[in-house]
Amino acid sequence: MKTITLSISALFVLALIALFVVLQAQQANGEAFTGSAAVQSSATTTVVGPGYQTIFSAQKSCTARTIALSDGTGTGIRFLTGDSASFVLSSTTLTNLVGLNQAGSTTVTYDSGLNGCGRWIAIASASTTVTLVEYQ
């Protein structure tokens, strides 16, 4: 009886360890693990308009980045994530930027596990105020 109980206990512990390993393997690198703390490392407000500009500089690590468009104009932005140091910032053509769009008057937090901690570049069809927050 004692051997059976010990065997069942050992199998249960092994199953828990296997579950833990599988769940951890599904986490993307750089992102905040579920339930872990993220600390705000920077916050700034800038204006994005019809000309590309860097909104986040490249960081070695981050957990998330938040972009808030709340100046009431309803102007959205388009931005490129990742390390794009060779991208020409002098262009004003909206269509040549492959990336993400964010609608005006919205706040979105982007997980670094999906979008990275590299330089982010943005452009808008008209000038709009953007609040940028980065978390470590």
C-alpha atoms as a PDB file:
ATOM      1  CA  MET A   1       0.000   0.000   0.000  1.00  0.00           C
ATOM      2  CA  LYS A   2       2.831   2.364   0.875  1.00  0.00           C
ATOM      3  CA  THR A   3       4.570   1.602  -2.446  1.00  0.00           C
ATOM      4  CA  ILE A   4       1.393   2.378  -4.432  1.00  0.00           C
ATOM      5  CA  THR A   5       0.908   5.699  -2.629  1.00  0.00           C
ATOM      6  CA  LEU A   6       4.539   6.617  -3.194  1.00  0.00           C
ATOM      7  CA  SER A   7       4.289   5.694  -6.900  1.00  0.00           C
ATOM      8  CA  ILE A   8       1.132   7.759  -7.384  1.00  0.00           C
ATOM      9  CA  SER A   9       2.739  10.714  -5.602  1.00  0.00           C
ATOM     10  CA  ALA A  10       5.843  10.482  -7.786  1.00  0.00           C
ATOM     11  CA  LEU A  11       3.721  10.381 -10.965  1.00  0.00           C
ATOM     12  CA  PHE A  12       1.742  13.399  -9.789  1.00  0.00           C
ATOM     13  CA  VAL A  13       4.937  15.388  -9.140  1.00  0.00           C
ATOM     14  CA  LEU A  14       6.327  14.414 -12.561  1.00  0.00           C
ATOM     15  CA  ALA A  15       3.082  15.489 -14.226  1.00  0.00           C
ATOM     16  CA  LEU A  16       3.274  18.882 -12.474  1.00  0.00           C
ATOM     17  CA  ILE A  17       6.884  19.364 -13.578  1.00  0.00           C
ATOM     18  CA  ALA A  18       5.996  18.445 -17.175  1.00  0.00           C
ATOM     19  CA  LEU A  19       3.075  20.897 -17.136  1.00  0.00           C
ATOM     20  CA  PHE A  20       5.320  23.670 -15.798  1.00  0.00           C
ATOM     21  CA  VAL A  21       7.930  23.031 -18.520  1.00  0.00           C
ATOM     22  CA  VAL A  22       5.312  23.051 -21.290  1.00  0.00           C
ATOM     23  CA  LEU A  23       3.713  26.293 -20.051  1.00  0.00           C
ATOM     24  CA  GLN A  24       7.070  28.051 -19.760  1.00  0.00           C
ATOM     25  CA  ALA A  25       8.085  26.940 -23.252  1.00  0.00           C
ATOM     26  CA  GLN A  26       5.030  28.719 -24.686  1.00  0.00           C
ATOM     27  CA  GLN A  27       6.115  32.136 -23.354  1.00  0.00           C
ATOM     28  CA  ALA A  28       7.759  34.366 -25.985  1.00  0.00           C
ATOM     29  CA  ASN A  29      11.141  35.861 -25.122  1.00  0.00           C
ATOM     30  CA  GLY A  30      11.050  39.359 -23.689  1.00  0.00           C
ATOM     31  CA  GLU A  31       7.435  39.439 -22.645  1.00  0.00           C
ATOM     32  CA  ALA A  32       6.127  39.717 -19.112  1.00  0.00           C
ATOM     33  CA  PHE A  33       5.162  36.343 -17.741  1.00  0.00           C
ATOM     34  CA  THR A  34       1.601  36.113 -16.501  1.00  0.00           C
ATOM     35  CA  GLY A  35       1.324  37.545 -13.003  1.00  0.00           C
ATOM     36  CA  SER A  36       4.788  39.139 -12.979  1.00  0.00           C
ATOM     37  CA  ALA A  37       5.336  42.805 -12.294  1.00  0.00           C
ATOM     38  CA  ALA A  38       6.269  45.333 -14.967  1.00  0.00           C
ATOM     39  CA  VAL A  39       7.696  48.706 -13.973  1.00  0.00           C
ATOM     40  CA  GLN A  40       7.184  51.858 -16.016  1.00  0.00           C
ATOM     41  CA  SER A  41      10.627  52.896 -17.218  1.00  0.00           C
ATOM     42  CA  SER A  42       9.755  55.915 -19.369  1.00  0.00           C
ATOM     43  CA  ALA A  43       6.828  58.069 -20.398  1.00  0.00           C
ATOM     44  CA  THR A  44       6.805  60.891 -22.909  1.00  0.00           C
ATOM     45  CA  THR A  45       4.420  62.896 -25.048  1.00  0.00           C
ATOM     46  CA  THR A  46       5.298  63.836 -28.624  1.00  0.00           C
ATOM     47  CA  VAL A  47       3.632  64.888 -31.856  1.00  0.00           C
ATOM     48  CA  VAL A  48       3.571  62.499 -34.809  1.00  0.00           C
ATOM     49  CA  GLY A  49       2.785  63.964 -38.213  1.00  0.00           C
ATOM     50  CA  PRO A  50       3.265  63.424 -41.943  1.00  0.00           C
ATOM     51  CA  GLY A  51       6.919  62.444 -41.741  1.00  0.00           C
ATOM     52  CA  TYR A  52       8.459  59.348 -40.210  1.00  0.00           C
ATOM     53  CA  GLN A  53       9.963  59.725 -36.778  1.00  0.00           C
ATOM     54  CA  THR A  54      11.338  57.413 -34.114  1.00  0.00           C
ATOM     55  CA  ILE A  55       8.854  57.031 -31.261  1.00  0.00           C
ATOM     56  CA  PHE A  56      10.736  54.354 -29.281  1.00  0.00           C
ATOM     57  CA  SER A  57      14.488  53.850 -29.452  1.00  0.00           C
ATOM     58  CA  ALA A  58      15.940  50.340 -29.402  1.00  0.00           C
ATOM     59  CA  GLN A  59      16.279  48.775 -25.932  1.00  0.00           C
ATOM     60  CA  LYS A  60      18.033  45.590 -24.837  1.00  0.00           C
ATOM     61  CA  SER A  61      14.862  44.475 -23.081  1.00  0.00           C
ATOM     62  CA  CYS A  62      11.361  45.637 -22.268  1.00  0.00           C
ATOM     63  CA  THR A  63       8.113  43.932 -21.320  1.00  0.00           C
ATOM     64  CA  ALA A  64       5.582  46.151 -23.103  1.00  0.00           C
ATOM     65  CA  ARG A  65       5.036  49.486 -24.805  1.00  0.00           C
ATOM     66  CA  THR A  66       1.862  51.583 -24.664  1.00  0.00           C
ATOM     67  CA  ILE A  67       0.751  54.111 -27.266  1.00  0.00           C
ATOM     68  CA  ALA A  68      -2.108  56.473 -26.386  1.00  0.00           C
ATOM     69  CA  LEU A  69      -3.711  58.729 -29.000  1.00  0.00           C
ATOM     70  CA  SER A  70      -5.964  61.034 -27.042  1.00  0.00           C
ATOM     71  CA  ASP A  71      -5.752  64.569 -28.412  1.00  0.00           C
ATOM     72  CA  GLY A  72      -9.333  64.452 -29.726  1.00  0.00           C
ATOM     73  CA  THR A  73      -8.435  64.815 -33.423  1.00  0.00           C
ATOM     74  CA  GLY A  74      -9.260  61.206 -34.227  1.00  0.00           C
ATOM     75  CA  THR A  75      -6.068  60.904 -36.272  1.00  0.00           C
ATOM     76  CA  GLY A  76      -4.556  57.449 -36.186  1.00  0.00           C
ATOM     77  CA  ILE A  77      -0.931  56.487 -36.692  1.00  0.00           C
ATOM     78  CA  ARG A  78       0.921  53.838 -38.624  1.00  0.00           C
ATOM     79  CA  PHE A  79       4.134  52.417 -37.207  1.00  0.00           C
ATOM     80  CA  LEU A  80       6.866  49.928 -37.889  1.00  0.00           C
ATOM     81  CA  THR A  81       8.189  47.808 -35.043  1.00  0.00           C
ATOM     82  CA  GLY A  82      11.530  46.128 -34.747  1.00  0.00           C
ATOM     83  CA  ASP A  83      15.082  47.195 -35.419  1.00  0.00           C
ATOM     84  CA  SER A  84      14.941  49.282 -38.561  1.00  0.00           C
ATOM     85  CA  ALA A  85      17.984  51.540 -38.250  1.00  0.00           C
ATOM     86  CA  SER A  86      18.402  51.677 -42.031  1.00  0.00           C
ATOM     87  CA  PHE A  87      14.843  52.919 -42.626  1.00  0.00           C
ATOM     88  CA  VAL A  88      14.814  56.397 -44.218  1.00  0.00           C
ATOM     89  CA  LEU A  89      12.945  58.815 -41.957  1.00  0.00           C
ATOM     90  CA  SER A  90      12.699  61.576 -44.583  1.00  0.00           C
ATOM     91  CA  SER A  91       9.918  59.863 -46.570  1.00  0.00           C
ATOM     92  CA  THR A  92       6.333  61.113 -46.214  1.00  0.00           C
ATOM     93  CA  THR A  93       4.587  58.305 -48.107  1.00  0.00           C
ATOM     94  CA  LEU A  94       2.136  56.428 -45.884  1.00  0.00           C
ATOM     95  CA  THR A  95       1.893  53.381 -48.148  1.00  0.00           C
ATOM     96  CA  ASN A  96       5.533  52.270 -48.025  1.00  0.00           C
ATOM     97  CA  LEU A  97       5.489  51.434 -44.321  1.00  0.00           C
ATOM     98  CA  VAL A  98       4.691  47.843 -43.429  1.00  0.00           C
ATOM     99  CA  GLY A  99       3.674  47.558 -39.794  1.00  0.00           C
ATOM    100  CA  LEU A 100       0.728  48.233 -37.523  1.00  0.00           C
ATOM    101  CA  ASN A 101      -2.076  50.767 -37.582  1.00  0.00           C
ATOM    102  CA  GLN A 102      -3.632  52.284 -34.476  1.00  0.00           C
ATOM    103  CA  ALA A 103      -6.909  54.172 -34.665  1.00  0.00           C
ATOM    104  CA  GLY A 104      -7.201  57.674 -33.265  1.00  0.00           C
ATOM    105  CA  SER A 105      -8.458  58.230 -29.698  1.00  0.00           C
ATOM    106  CA  THR A 106      -7.296  54.766 -28.579  1.00  0.00           C
ATOM    107  CA  THR A 107      -4.784  53.385 -26.111  1.00  0.00           C
ATOM    108  CA  VAL A 108      -3.077  50.083 -26.902  1.00  0.00           C
ATOM    109  CA  THR A 109      -0.395  48.168 -25.012  1.00  0.00           C
ATOM    110  CA  TYR A 110       1.886  46.115 -27.248  1.00  0.00           C
ATOM    111  CA  ASP A 111       3.617  43.082 -25.727  1.00  0.00           C
ATOM    112  CA  SER A 112       7.323  42.910 -26.477  1.00  0.00           C
ATOM    113  CA  GLY A 113       7.070  39.172 -26.969  1.00  0.00           C
ATOM    114  CA  LEU A 114       5.174  39.924 -30.187  1.00  0.00           C
ATOM    115  CA  ASN A 115       6.574  43.294 -31.258  1.00  0.00           C
ATOM    116  CA  GLY A 116      10.079  43.406 -29.804  1.00  0.00           C
ATOM    117  CA  CYS A 117      12.090  46.140 -28.109  1.00  0.00           C
ATOM    118  CA  GLY A 118      13.763  47.573 -31.192  1.00  0.00           C
ATOM    119  CA  ARG A 119      13.311  51.019 -32.680  1.00  0.00           C
ATOM    120  CA  TRP A 120       9.706  51.915 -33.544  1.00  0.00           C
ATOM    121  CA  ILE A 121       8.976  54.440 -36.281  1.00  0.00           C
ATOM    122  CA  ALA A 122       5.630  56.207 -36.776  1.00  0.00           C
ATOM    123  CA  ILE A 123       3.826  58.437 -39.270  1.00  0.00           C
ATOM    124  CA  ALA A 124       0.352  60.029 -39.341  1.00  0.00           C
ATOM    125  CA  SER A 125      -1.691  61.722 -42.063  1.00  0.00           C
ATOM    126  CA  ALA A 126      -1.996  64.835 -39.855  1.00  0.00           C
ATOM    127  CA  SER A 127      -0.269  65.954 -36.681  1.00  0.00           C
ATOM    128  CA  THR A 128      -1.506  64.144 -33.598  1.00  0.00           C
ATOM    129  CA  THR A 129      -0.339  64.053 -29.973  1.00  0.00           C
ATOM    130  CA  VAL A 130       0.958  60.675 -28.857  1.00  0.00           C
ATOM    131  CA  THR A 131       1.729  59.514 -25.325  1.00  0.00           C
ATOM    132  CA  LEU A 132       4.351  56.771 -25.186  1.00  0.00           C
ATOM    133  CA  VAL A 133       5.011  54.555 -22.173  1.00  0.00           C
ATOM    134  CA  GLU A 134       7.623  51.818 -21.915  1.00  0.00           C
ATOM    135  CA  TYR A 135       7.689  49.097 -19.261  1.00  0.00           C
ATOM    136  CA  GLN A 136      10.614  46.987 -18.024  1.00  0.00           C
END
